[in-house]
């Protein structure tokens, strides 16, 4: 459906939803007018009509061109990705891929699962399809014993009947029809890709007719084809999409499978209700706003977290080395001593952290070292109980100029730069959003136990994400929150460092409707 952009109004989306002649929506986007409204309406439409979108301006040059062309402000691609996933929008990377995916979703049902059957008369083409399929989340399982036995009796002895099913170059149209019927009837297969590389001895028209016949007789599983030839798509295929190359077909099936999975999920409910001490929370934030806002002190940041039920490691901010020793003894060894100062937001980068201090002398020496090296930048010392071992993550909140409050979750500590950007979701978070955040974040396998380590306490992490979402809802003046690292143990979690910035929210920017 050409001409649709991200600033469609509710009434226009409603027309799309009710229009019986519109099977799906294609979007080319450079900017967003109101991302939250866009996401809400797209989620509603996407339940019945798939939306396939390409977002331009991902590269530096692309963002520069998009900005000069539309006057739009480029936003983080991570946030765009999170918005699309929440709304069930099928994101593609090229215009060619957009039409490939749309052709499948417009004419075939969305796959009921990720298990792909591949039928081919050329082994290499089948392998390329399998590689692309598995690299995009699909499975290529071995077909059932009954299917393999029947295929053995049907095909020449040299044929491969595991999956991909290689019919060999001598395969006839009858071989294609019978084998495709078997794959579509196999309970371990959710969708089928039939590949045909025209040999001299087989008529492509007859093969297309056979594929269409088997597909029409199937139980509603989607079928896609590849005819690797210079001629046009065989008309005999009818509504079955046809691609020139196996990689493109496999990718289209993967995108359609992800959309089908999203549509089968239950509608997201409301946020998990949490008990919050609003008076205590507002007293800290309002006092900071009266002073012009900015970064809160460690003690005030911890008070805000505690008002939302987020527990922090026992700690105290002190001014002198002797006070650091005194509080270390009160907290109990071992402890960490960290530098505090408005310019010391990234403590590890300036050597502002001493860990595992086990006695008075070690605390005193660490405090003196920080004072000597950091000088006037140091305004205090944070003495903190050492946390048990666990998986270190980043949980953050940022008030984006365009997207509004966004929660991010990903690898923490020194691993942030190594494993890639965190996953992101727009607020408020539902249980489904939290599930998606944890599934998509880099380093996801670390939570399940790695090299003999016990699994991390995912319920505790889920609760923390809901608490951060509730905090943003109660106090929109929190412009930035950085819990890094959050160390998730086998039982519970510890927040090792917190940074929090408050300020008055800027008024929403005007519409960014694309104008030419």
Protein backbone atom coordinates (compact mmCIF):
# COMPACT_ATOMS: atom_id res chain seq x y z
CA UNK A 1 0.00 0.00 0.00
CA UNK A 2 2.04 2.99 -1.21
CA UNK A 3 2.04 6.39 0.39
CA UNK A 4 1.77 5.30 4.02
CA UNK A 5 4.13 6.96 6.51
CA UNK A 6 4.73 6.95 10.24
CA UNK A 7 2.48 9.89 10.97
CA UNK A 8 -0.77 8.28 9.89
CA UNK A 9 -3.60 9.41 12.13
CA UNK A 10 -5.88 7.01 13.97
CA UNK A 11 -8.70 7.48 11.45
CA UNK A 12 -6.35 6.65 8.57
CA UNK A 13 -5.13 3.50 10.29
CA UNK A 14 -8.79 2.56 10.83
CA UNK A 15 -9.43 2.87 7.11
CA UNK A 16 -6.52 0.52 6.44
CA UNK A 17 -7.88 -1.95 9.00
CA UNK A 18 -11.40 -2.00 7.57
CA UNK A 19 -10.47 -1.93 3.88
CA UNK A 20 -11.12 -5.39 2.53
CA UNK A 21 -8.89 -4.82 -0.49
CA UNK A 22 -5.83 -4.11 1.67
CA UNK A 23 -4.10 -7.37 2.63
CA UNK A 24 -0.96 -5.87 4.13
CA UNK A 25 0.87 -2.57 4.66
CA UNK A 26 4.31 -1.58 3.39
CA UNK A 27 6.07 1.33 5.07
CA UNK A 28 9.12 3.31 4.06
CA UNK A 29 10.13 5.42 7.08
CA UNK A 30 12.68 8.16 7.63
CA UNK A 31 11.26 9.61 10.84
CA UNK A 32 8.47 9.37 13.40
CA UNK A 33 5.84 11.93 14.35
CA UNK A 34 4.58 10.29 17.54
CA UNK A 35 6.28 6.92 18.06
CA UNK A 36 3.98 5.84 20.90
CA UNK A 37 0.79 6.49 18.97
CA UNK A 38 2.34 4.92 15.89
CA UNK A 39 3.27 1.79 17.86
CA UNK A 40 -0.15 1.48 19.49
CA UNK A 41 -2.03 1.79 16.20
CA UNK A 42 0.38 -0.45 14.30
CA UNK A 43 0.00 -3.13 16.98
CA UNK A 44 -3.77 -3.00 16.53
CA UNK A 45 -3.62 -3.23 12.73
CA UNK A 46 -0.89 -5.88 12.77
CA UNK A 47 -3.13 -8.36 14.58
CA UNK A 48 -5.05 -8.89 11.35
CA UNK A 49 -2.93 -7.33 8.58
CA UNK A 50 0.86 -7.65 8.50
CA UNK A 51 2.97 -4.49 8.36
CA UNK A 52 6.35 -4.67 6.61
CA UNK A 53 8.62 -1.68 7.13
CA UNK A 54 12.04 -0.39 6.14
CA UNK A 55 13.62 2.38 8.22
CA UNK A 56 16.08 4.53 6.31
CA UNK A 57 18.84 6.53 7.96
CA UNK A 58 20.62 3.75 9.88
CA UNK A 59 24.11 4.76 8.73
CA UNK A 60 25.85 8.06 9.42
CA UNK A 61 25.48 9.16 5.81
CA UNK A 62 21.89 7.90 5.70
CA UNK A 63 20.94 9.81 8.85
CA UNK A 64 22.54 12.95 7.41
CA UNK A 65 20.57 12.60 4.17
CA UNK A 66 17.31 11.85 5.96
CA UNK A 67 17.74 14.89 8.18
CA UNK A 68 18.37 17.29 5.31
CA UNK A 69 15.54 15.77 3.30
CA UNK A 70 12.76 15.86 5.88
CA UNK A 71 13.99 17.98 8.75
CA UNK A 72 13.70 14.88 10.95
CA UNK A 73 15.97 14.05 13.86
CA UNK A 74 17.55 10.63 13.50
CA UNK A 75 16.94 8.34 16.46
CA UNK A 76 18.89 5.40 17.77
CA UNK A 77 18.38 2.31 15.67
CA UNK A 78 18.11 0.24 18.84
CA UNK A 79 15.01 2.18 19.84
CA UNK A 80 13.48 1.81 16.39
CA UNK A 81 14.08 -1.93 16.57
CA UNK A 82 12.44 -2.13 20.00
CA UNK A 83 9.42 -0.16 18.80
CA UNK A 84 8.97 -2.40 15.75
CA UNK A 85 9.23 -5.57 17.81
CA UNK A 86 6.68 -4.32 20.33
CA UNK A 87 4.26 -3.40 17.54
CA UNK A 88 4.74 -6.64 15.59
CA UNK A 89 6.11 -4.81 12.56
CA UNK A 90 8.19 -6.95 10.21
CA UNK A 91 11.41 -5.03 9.79
CA UNK A 92 13.39 -5.52 6.58
CA UNK A 93 16.72 -4.15 5.41
CA UNK A 94 16.14 -3.55 1.70
CA UNK A 95 13.28 -2.70 -0.63
CA UNK A 96 13.80 -6.03 -2.38
CA UNK A 97 13.38 -7.85 0.92
CA UNK A 98 10.24 -5.80 1.64
CA UNK A 99 8.54 -7.10 -1.49
CA UNK A 100 9.85 -10.63 -0.92
CA UNK A 101 8.29 -10.76 2.55
CA UNK A 102 5.07 -9.05 1.47
CA UNK A 103 4.59 -11.55 -1.36
CA UNK A 104 4.67 -14.40 1.13
CA UNK A 105 2.45 -12.78 3.78
CA UNK A 106 -0.08 -11.62 1.18
CA UNK A 107 -0.63 -15.05 -0.36
CA UNK A 108 0.29 -17.65 2.25
CA UNK A 109 -0.62 -18.15 5.92
CA UNK A 110 1.99 -17.23 8.49
CA UNK A 111 3.94 -20.34 9.54
CA UNK A 112 2.72 -21.96 12.75
CA UNK A 113 6.28 -22.57 13.89
CA UNK A 114 9.96 -22.29 12.95
CA UNK A 115 10.45 -25.75 11.39
CA UNK A 116 11.21 -25.48 7.68
CA UNK A 117 11.17 -28.32 5.17
CA UNK A 118 13.33 -27.87 2.07
CA UNK A 119 12.69 -29.73 -1.18
CA UNK A 120 15.20 -29.38 -4.02
CA UNK A 121 16.62 -31.02 -7.12
CA UNK A 122 20.03 -29.38 -6.56
CA UNK A 123 21.89 -30.13 -3.33
CA UNK A 124 23.85 -26.88 -3.22
CA UNK A 125 20.75 -24.73 -3.47
CA UNK A 126 19.16 -26.65 -0.61
CA UNK A 127 22.22 -26.20 1.58
CA UNK A 128 22.28 -22.44 0.92
CA UNK A 129 18.61 -22.21 1.89
CA UNK A 130 19.22 -24.19 5.08
CA UNK A 131 22.17 -21.99 6.04
CA UNK A 132 20.19 -18.77 5.59
CA UNK A 133 17.15 -20.22 7.38
CA UNK A 134 19.05 -21.29 10.50
CA UNK A 135 21.01 -18.04 10.64
CA UNK A 136 17.66 -16.20 10.98
CA UNK A 137 16.07 -18.34 13.66
CA UNK A 138 14.44 -21.13 11.67
CA UNK A 139 15.01 -24.83 12.23
CA UNK A 140 15.60 -27.42 9.51
CA UNK A 141 14.72 -30.65 11.34
CA UNK A 142 15.13 -34.17 10.07
CA UNK A 143 11.74 -35.33 8.79
CA UNK A 144 9.85 -38.06 10.63
CA UNK A 145 10.71 -41.74 10.24
CA UNK A 146 7.46 -42.41 8.36
CA UNK A 147 8.17 -39.62 5.87
CA UNK A 148 11.73 -40.79 5.32
CA UNK A 149 10.62 -44.37 4.70
CA UNK A 150 8.01 -43.29 2.15
CA UNK A 151 10.51 -41.01 0.41
CA UNK A 152 13.03 -43.86 0.23
CA UNK A 153 10.47 -45.98 -1.59
CA UNK A 154 9.47 -43.10 -3.87
CA UNK A 155 12.84 -41.67 -4.93
CA UNK A 156 16.02 -43.06 -6.49
CA UNK A 157 18.48 -44.67 -4.09
CA UNK A 158 20.91 -41.74 -4.44
CA UNK A 159 18.37 -39.19 -3.25
CA UNK A 160 18.78 -37.56 0.18
CA UNK A 161 15.67 -37.79 2.34
CA UNK A 162 16.64 -36.16 5.65
CA UNK A 163 16.05 -32.42 5.20
CA UNK A 164 16.82 -30.80 2.86
CA UNK A 165 15.24 -33.47 0.67
CA UNK A 166 17.36 -33.69 -2.49
CA UNK A 167 15.29 -35.25 -5.29
CA UNK A 168 18.30 -35.18 -7.67
CA UNK A 169 18.44 -33.47 -11.06
CA UNK A 170 16.44 -36.26 -12.67
CA UNK A 171 13.38 -35.60 -10.50
CA UNK A 172 10.09 -35.49 -12.36
CA UNK A 173 7.03 -33.35 -11.71
CA UNK A 174 5.42 -36.39 -10.10
CA UNK A 175 8.37 -36.66 -7.68
CA UNK A 176 7.91 -33.02 -6.69
CA UNK A 177 4.18 -33.41 -6.09
CA UNK A 178 4.47 -36.59 -4.01
CA UNK A 179 7.43 -35.37 -1.96
CA UNK A 180 5.82 -32.00 -1.28
CA UNK A 181 2.61 -33.69 -0.13
CA UNK A 182 4.66 -35.79 2.29
CA UNK A 183 6.52 -32.82 3.73
CA UNK A 184 3.33 -30.80 4.16
CA UNK A 185 1.71 -33.71 5.98
CA UNK A 186 4.69 -34.29 8.27
CA UNK A 187 3.95 -33.04 11.82
CA UNK A 188 7.56 -31.90 12.34
CA UNK A 189 7.34 -29.40 9.46
CA UNK A 190 5.64 -25.97 9.66
CA UNK A 191 6.47 -24.55 6.23
CA UNK A 192 8.07 -25.79 3.01
CA UNK A 193 10.43 -24.24 0.47
CA UNK A 194 10.44 -26.04 -2.90
CA UNK A 195 13.50 -25.28 -5.06
CA UNK A 196 13.68 -26.09 -8.76
CA UNK A 197 16.80 -25.66 -10.90
CA UNK A 198 15.65 -26.49 -14.46
CA UNK A 199 17.54 -29.43 -15.96
CA UNK A 200 17.19 -30.35 -19.61
CA UNK A 201 14.96 -33.36 -18.96
CA UNK A 202 12.22 -31.77 -16.82
CA UNK A 203 9.52 -29.33 -17.90
CA UNK A 204 9.35 -26.34 -15.47
CA UNK A 205 5.66 -25.83 -16.27
CA UNK A 206 4.84 -29.36 -15.20
CA UNK A 207 6.81 -28.92 -11.96
CA UNK A 208 5.00 -25.67 -11.18
CA UNK A 209 1.65 -27.34 -11.78
CA UNK A 210 2.62 -30.23 -9.51
CA UNK A 211 3.76 -27.90 -6.70
CA UNK A 212 0.53 -25.90 -6.91
CA UNK A 213 -1.53 -29.07 -6.80
CA UNK A 214 0.26 -30.39 -3.70
CA UNK A 215 0.06 -27.03 -1.96
CA UNK A 216 -3.68 -26.70 -2.57
CA UNK A 217 -4.24 -30.12 -1.04
CA UNK A 218 -2.20 -29.34 2.09
CA UNK A 219 -3.45 -28.60 5.60
CA UNK A 220 -2.84 -24.86 5.37
CA UNK A 221 0.92 -24.82 5.76
CA UNK A 222 2.68 -22.08 3.77
CA UNK A 223 4.67 -22.95 0.66
CA UNK A 224 7.27 -20.84 -1.12
CA UNK A 225 9.22 -21.72 -4.25
CA UNK A 226 12.46 -20.92 -6.01
CA UNK A 227 12.71 -21.28 -9.79
CA UNK A 228 16.32 -20.51 -10.66
CA UNK A 229 15.87 -19.49 -14.28
CA UNK A 230 15.90 -16.36 -16.41
CA UNK A 231 12.26 -16.69 -17.44
CA UNK A 232 9.35 -15.17 -15.52
CA UNK A 233 7.57 -16.86 -12.63
CA UNK A 234 5.47 -19.78 -13.89
CA UNK A 235 1.81 -18.74 -13.99
CA UNK A 236 0.86 -22.24 -12.91
CA UNK A 237 2.09 -21.48 -9.36
CA UNK A 238 -0.88 -19.19 -8.84
CA UNK A 239 -0.72 -17.54 -5.40
CA UNK A 240 2.44 -19.39 -4.34
CA UNK A 241 5.30 -16.85 -4.13
CA UNK A 242 8.31 -17.57 -6.30
CA UNK A 243 11.87 -16.30 -5.75
CA UNK A 244 14.94 -16.32 -7.93
CA UNK A 245 17.37 -17.46 -5.27
CA UNK A 246 17.10 -19.74 -2.21
CA UNK A 247 18.60 -17.25 0.29
CA UNK A 248 15.93 -14.65 -0.41
CA UNK A 249 13.16 -17.22 -0.05
CA UNK A 250 14.51 -18.56 3.23
CA UNK A 251 14.83 -15.05 4.65
CA UNK A 252 11.25 -14.20 3.66
CA UNK A 253 10.00 -17.34 5.42
CA UNK A 254 12.00 -16.41 8.52
CA UNK A 255 10.43 -12.93 8.62
CA UNK A 256 6.94 -14.37 8.12
CA UNK A 257 7.56 -16.93 10.87
CA UNK A 258 8.55 -14.20 13.34
CA UNK A 259 5.39 -12.28 12.48
CA UNK A 260 3.26 -15.39 12.98
CA UNK A 261 4.84 -15.97 16.38
CA UNK A 262 4.07 -12.37 17.41
CA UNK A 263 0.45 -12.59 16.26
CA UNK A 264 -0.17 -15.82 18.18
CA UNK A 265 0.97 -14.26 21.43
CA UNK A 266 -1.74 -13.06 23.79
CA UNK A 267 -2.50 -9.36 23.85
CA UNK A 268 -0.19 -7.67 26.36
CA UNK A 269 -1.83 -6.78 29.64
CA UNK A 270 -1.20 -3.83 31.88
CA UNK A 271 1.95 -3.19 33.84
CA UNK A 272 2.57 -5.26 36.93
CA UNK A 273 1.38 -3.10 39.89
CA UNK A 274 4.10 -2.34 42.43
CA UNK A 275 4.11 -0.64 45.83
CA UNK A 276 5.94 2.71 45.65
CA UNK A 277 6.56 5.28 48.38
CA UNK A 278 5.61 8.23 46.19
CA UNK A 279 6.04 10.86 48.93
CA UNK A 280 9.61 9.79 49.63
CA UNK A 281 10.38 9.61 45.92
CA UNK A 282 8.96 13.05 45.15
CA UNK A 283 10.72 14.70 48.07
CA UNK A 284 14.14 13.77 46.66
CA UNK A 285 13.34 14.63 43.05
CA UNK A 286 11.51 17.89 43.81
CA UNK A 287 14.39 19.10 45.96
CA UNK A 288 16.82 18.36 43.14
CA UNK A 289 14.63 20.17 40.61
CA UNK A 290 14.51 23.25 42.83
CA UNK A 291 18.30 23.31 42.62
CA UNK A 292 18.23 23.13 38.84
CA UNK A 293 18.32 19.35 38.46
CA UNK A 294 21.31 17.33 37.30
CA UNK A 295 22.99 14.21 38.62
CA UNK A 296 21.81 13.09 42.05
CA UNK A 297 24.25 12.14 44.78
CA UNK A 298 24.77 8.41 45.39
CA UNK A 299 22.78 8.62 48.64
CA UNK A 300 19.83 10.40 46.99
CA UNK A 301 19.91 7.96 44.06
CA UNK A 302 19.74 5.02 46.43
CA UNK A 303 16.88 6.64 48.35
CA UNK A 304 14.90 6.98 45.11
CA UNK A 305 15.51 3.33 44.27
CA UNK A 306 14.49 2.19 47.73
CA UNK A 307 11.25 4.18 47.43
CA UNK A 308 10.38 1.89 44.50
CA UNK A 309 11.32 -1.25 46.39
CA UNK A 310 14.66 -1.63 44.62
CA UNK A 311 17.19 -2.81 47.17
CA UNK A 312 20.80 -1.67 46.95
CA UNK A 313 24.00 -2.86 48.52
CA UNK A 314 24.65 -1.48 51.99
CA UNK A 315 26.81 1.60 51.50
CA UNK A 316 27.59 5.09 52.76
CA UNK A 317 29.04 8.24 51.24
CA UNK A 318 31.73 9.87 53.38
CA UNK A 319 34.11 12.82 53.14
CA UNK A 320 37.34 11.65 54.79
CA UNK A 321 39.59 8.62 54.98
CA UNK A 322 38.84 8.12 58.66
CA UNK A 323 35.10 8.13 57.99
CA UNK A 324 35.64 5.58 55.23
CA UNK A 325 37.42 3.26 57.68
CA UNK A 326 34.70 3.77 60.29
CA UNK A 327 31.87 2.91 57.88
CA UNK A 328 33.77 -0.03 56.42
CA UNK A 329 33.95 -1.58 59.88
CA UNK A 330 30.25 -0.91 60.41
CA UNK A 331 29.32 -2.49 57.06
CA UNK A 332 31.65 -5.45 57.45
CA UNK A 333 34.66 -6.49 55.40
CA UNK A 334 35.36 -6.98 52.55
CA UNK A 335 34.23 -3.67 51.04
CA UNK A 336 34.73 -1.55 47.95
CA UNK A 337 35.70 2.12 47.99
CA UNK A 338 34.60 4.22 45.00
CA UNK A 339 35.26 7.80 43.96
CA UNK A 340 32.33 10.26 44.06
CA UNK A 341 32.21 13.50 42.10
CA UNK A 342 30.09 15.25 39.47
CA UNK A 343 32.81 14.69 36.86
CA UNK A 344 33.39 11.05 37.82
CA UNK A 345 30.44 9.38 36.13
CA UNK A 346 32.54 6.54 34.67
CA UNK A 347 34.59 5.56 37.69
CA UNK A 348 36.45 2.63 36.17
CA UNK A 349 37.85 4.80 33.38
CA UNK A 350 39.74 6.98 35.88
CA UNK A 351 40.73 4.17 38.23
CA UNK A 352 38.11 5.31 40.72
CA UNK A 353 37.25 1.89 42.16
CA UNK A 354 39.08 -0.27 44.72
CA UNK A 355 37.58 -3.71 45.33
CA UNK A 356 37.93 -6.48 47.89
CA UNK A 357 39.37 -4.34 50.72
CA UNK A 358 39.61 -6.69 53.68
CA UNK A 359 40.80 -4.53 56.58
CA UNK A 360 41.23 -0.98 57.96
CA UNK A 361 44.63 -0.44 56.40
CA UNK A 362 43.44 -1.42 52.93
CA UNK A 363 40.47 0.98 53.14
CA UNK A 364 42.67 3.82 54.35
CA UNK A 365 45.25 3.24 51.61
CA UNK A 366 42.59 3.07 48.89
CA UNK A 367 40.96 6.29 50.13
CA UNK A 368 44.28 8.12 50.16
CA UNK A 369 45.10 6.86 46.67
CA UNK A 370 41.82 8.19 45.25
CA UNK A 371 42.31 11.54 46.98
CA UNK A 372 45.85 11.87 45.68
CA UNK A 373 45.13 10.95 42.06
CA UNK A 374 41.74 12.62 41.54
CA UNK A 375 42.30 15.78 43.55
CA UNK A 376 39.54 18.37 43.30
CA UNK A 377 37.42 16.10 41.12
CA UNK A 378 36.80 13.95 44.19
CA UNK A 379 33.97 15.25 46.38
CA UNK A 380 33.40 12.10 48.43
CA UNK A 381 34.06 8.41 48.94
CA UNK A 382 31.47 5.66 48.58
CA UNK A 383 32.07 2.70 50.90
CA UNK A 384 30.08 -0.32 49.78
CA UNK A 385 29.68 -3.95 50.79
CA UNK A 386 31.18 -6.39 48.28
CA UNK A 387 28.59 -8.29 46.27
CA UNK A 388 28.54 -12.06 45.66
CA UNK A 389 29.54 -13.40 42.25
CA UNK A 390 27.03 -13.31 39.43
CA UNK A 391 26.23 -12.14 35.89
CA UNK A 392 26.83 -8.41 35.38
CA UNK A 393 24.17 -6.56 33.41
CA UNK A 394 23.20 -3.02 32.55
CA UNK A 395 19.63 -1.92 33.31
CA UNK A 396 18.96 1.63 32.23
CA UNK A 397 16.30 4.24 31.66
CA UNK A 398 16.58 7.17 29.26
CA UNK A 399 14.07 9.84 28.32
CA UNK A 400 14.64 10.01 24.58
CA UNK A 401 13.75 13.29 22.84
CA UNK A 402 11.52 11.47 20.36
CA UNK A 403 10.59 8.10 21.85
CA UNK A 404 10.08 9.23 25.44
CA UNK A 405 11.03 6.95 28.37
CA UNK A 406 12.83 3.80 27.21
CA UNK A 407 14.19 0.91 29.29
CA UNK A 408 17.33 -0.89 28.12
CA UNK A 409 18.87 -4.16 29.29
CA UNK A 410 22.11 -5.78 28.22
CA UNK A 411 25.61 -6.81 29.27
CA UNK A 412 27.02 -4.66 32.04
CA UNK A 413 30.32 -3.67 33.54
CA UNK A 414 33.19 -3.78 31.06
CA UNK A 415 31.23 -6.04 28.66
CA UNK A 416 28.93 -3.29 27.32
CA UNK A 417 31.28 -2.32 24.48
CA UNK A 418 32.24 -5.92 23.67
CA UNK A 419 28.86 -7.63 23.24
CA UNK A 420 26.95 -4.89 21.48
CA UNK A 421 24.14 -2.47 22.35
CA UNK A 422 21.45 -3.48 24.83
CA UNK A 423 17.89 -4.40 23.90
CA UNK A 424 15.35 -1.61 24.34
CA UNK A 425 11.61 -1.24 24.90
CA UNK A 426 9.34 1.76 25.12
CA UNK A 427 7.42 2.22 28.37
CA UNK A 428 5.29 1.08 30.02
CA UNK A 429 6.63 -2.47 30.18
CA UNK A 430 4.25 -5.41 30.13
CA UNK A 431 5.22 -8.97 31.05
CA UNK A 432 5.55 -9.69 27.33
CA UNK A 433 7.91 -6.74 26.87
CA UNK A 434 10.11 -7.97 29.72
CA UNK A 435 10.23 -11.45 28.19
CA UNK A 436 11.32 -9.94 24.87
CA UNK A 437 13.98 -7.76 26.50
CA UNK A 438 15.61 -10.73 28.17
CA UNK A 439 15.37 -12.92 25.07
CA UNK A 440 16.88 -10.30 22.74
CA UNK A 441 19.63 -8.83 24.88
CA UNK A 442 23.25 -9.69 23.93
CA UNK A 443 24.83 -12.27 26.18
CA UNK A 444 21.47 -13.89 26.93
CA UNK A 445 23.15 -17.27 27.45
CA UNK A 446 25.03 -15.93 30.49
CA UNK A 447 21.78 -15.94 32.47
CA UNK A 448 21.22 -19.65 31.96
CA UNK A 449 24.58 -20.73 33.40
CA UNK A 450 27.95 -20.68 31.65
CA UNK A 451 30.90 -23.03 32.14
CA UNK A 452 29.47 -24.59 35.25
CA UNK A 453 28.12 -21.39 36.78
CA UNK A 454 24.65 -21.58 38.34
CA UNK A 455 21.74 -20.00 36.42
CA UNK A 456 21.01 -16.40 37.31
CA UNK A 457 17.84 -15.41 39.15
CA UNK A 458 15.69 -14.30 36.20
CA UNK A 459 12.57 -13.62 38.30
CA UNK A 460 14.57 -11.08 40.32
CA UNK A 461 15.76 -9.42 37.11
CA UNK A 462 12.22 -9.34 35.71
CA UNK A 463 10.99 -7.65 38.87
CA UNK A 464 13.76 -5.05 38.62
CA UNK A 465 12.73 -4.19 35.04
CA UNK A 466 9.13 -3.72 36.15
CA UNK A 467 10.31 -1.55 39.05
CA UNK A 468 12.32 0.69 36.72
CA UNK A 469 9.27 1.02 34.46
CA UNK A 470 7.11 1.98 37.45
CA UNK A 471 9.73 4.50 38.57
CA UNK A 472 9.61 6.23 35.19
CA UNK A 473 5.82 6.33 35.32
CA UNK A 474 5.78 7.88 38.80
CA UNK A 475 8.58 10.32 38.15
CA UNK A 476 8.90 11.44 34.50
CA UNK A 477 11.52 14.00 35.58
CA UNK A 478 14.09 11.17 35.77
CA UNK A 479 15.80 11.78 32.46
CA UNK A 480 18.51 9.17 32.84
CA UNK A 481 19.06 6.16 35.08
CA UNK A 482 22.06 3.88 34.81
CA UNK A 483 22.23 0.76 36.96
CA UNK A 484 25.56 -0.64 35.90
CA UNK A 485 26.53 -3.16 36.78
CA UNK A 486 23.57 -5.08 38.14
CA UNK A 487 25.01 -8.35 39.37
CA UNK A 488 22.42 -11.12 39.14
CA UNK A 489 23.19 -14.02 41.50
CA UNK A 490 21.74 -17.49 41.72
CA UNK A 491 19.33 -16.01 44.27
CA UNK A 492 18.58 -12.31 43.98
CA UNK A 493 20.66 -9.49 42.56
CA UNK A 494 22.86 -6.59 43.67
CA UNK A 495 23.12 -3.09 42.20
CA UNK A 496 26.78 -2.16 42.32
CA UNK A 497 26.57 1.35 40.90
CA UNK A 498 23.80 3.82 40.15
CA UNK A 499 23.72 7.13 38.30
CA UNK A 500 20.54 9.17 38.09
CA UNK A 501 19.86 12.50 36.41
CA UNK A 502 16.71 14.55 36.86
CA UNK A 503 15.40 17.62 35.07
CA UNK A 504 12.37 19.30 33.62
CA UNK A 505 10.96 17.51 30.61
CA UNK A 506 11.25 19.35 27.33
CA UNK A 507 7.96 20.05 25.54
CA UNK A 508 7.19 17.53 22.81
CA UNK A 509 8.53 18.44 19.41
CA UNK A 510 6.23 19.19 16.51
CA UNK A 511 5.10 16.72 13.89
CA UNK A 512 7.76 15.21 11.68
CA UNK A 513 5.51 14.23 8.81
CA UNK A 514 7.61 13.58 5.75
CA UNK A 515 7.12 16.35 3.20
CA UNK A 516 8.53 16.49 -0.32
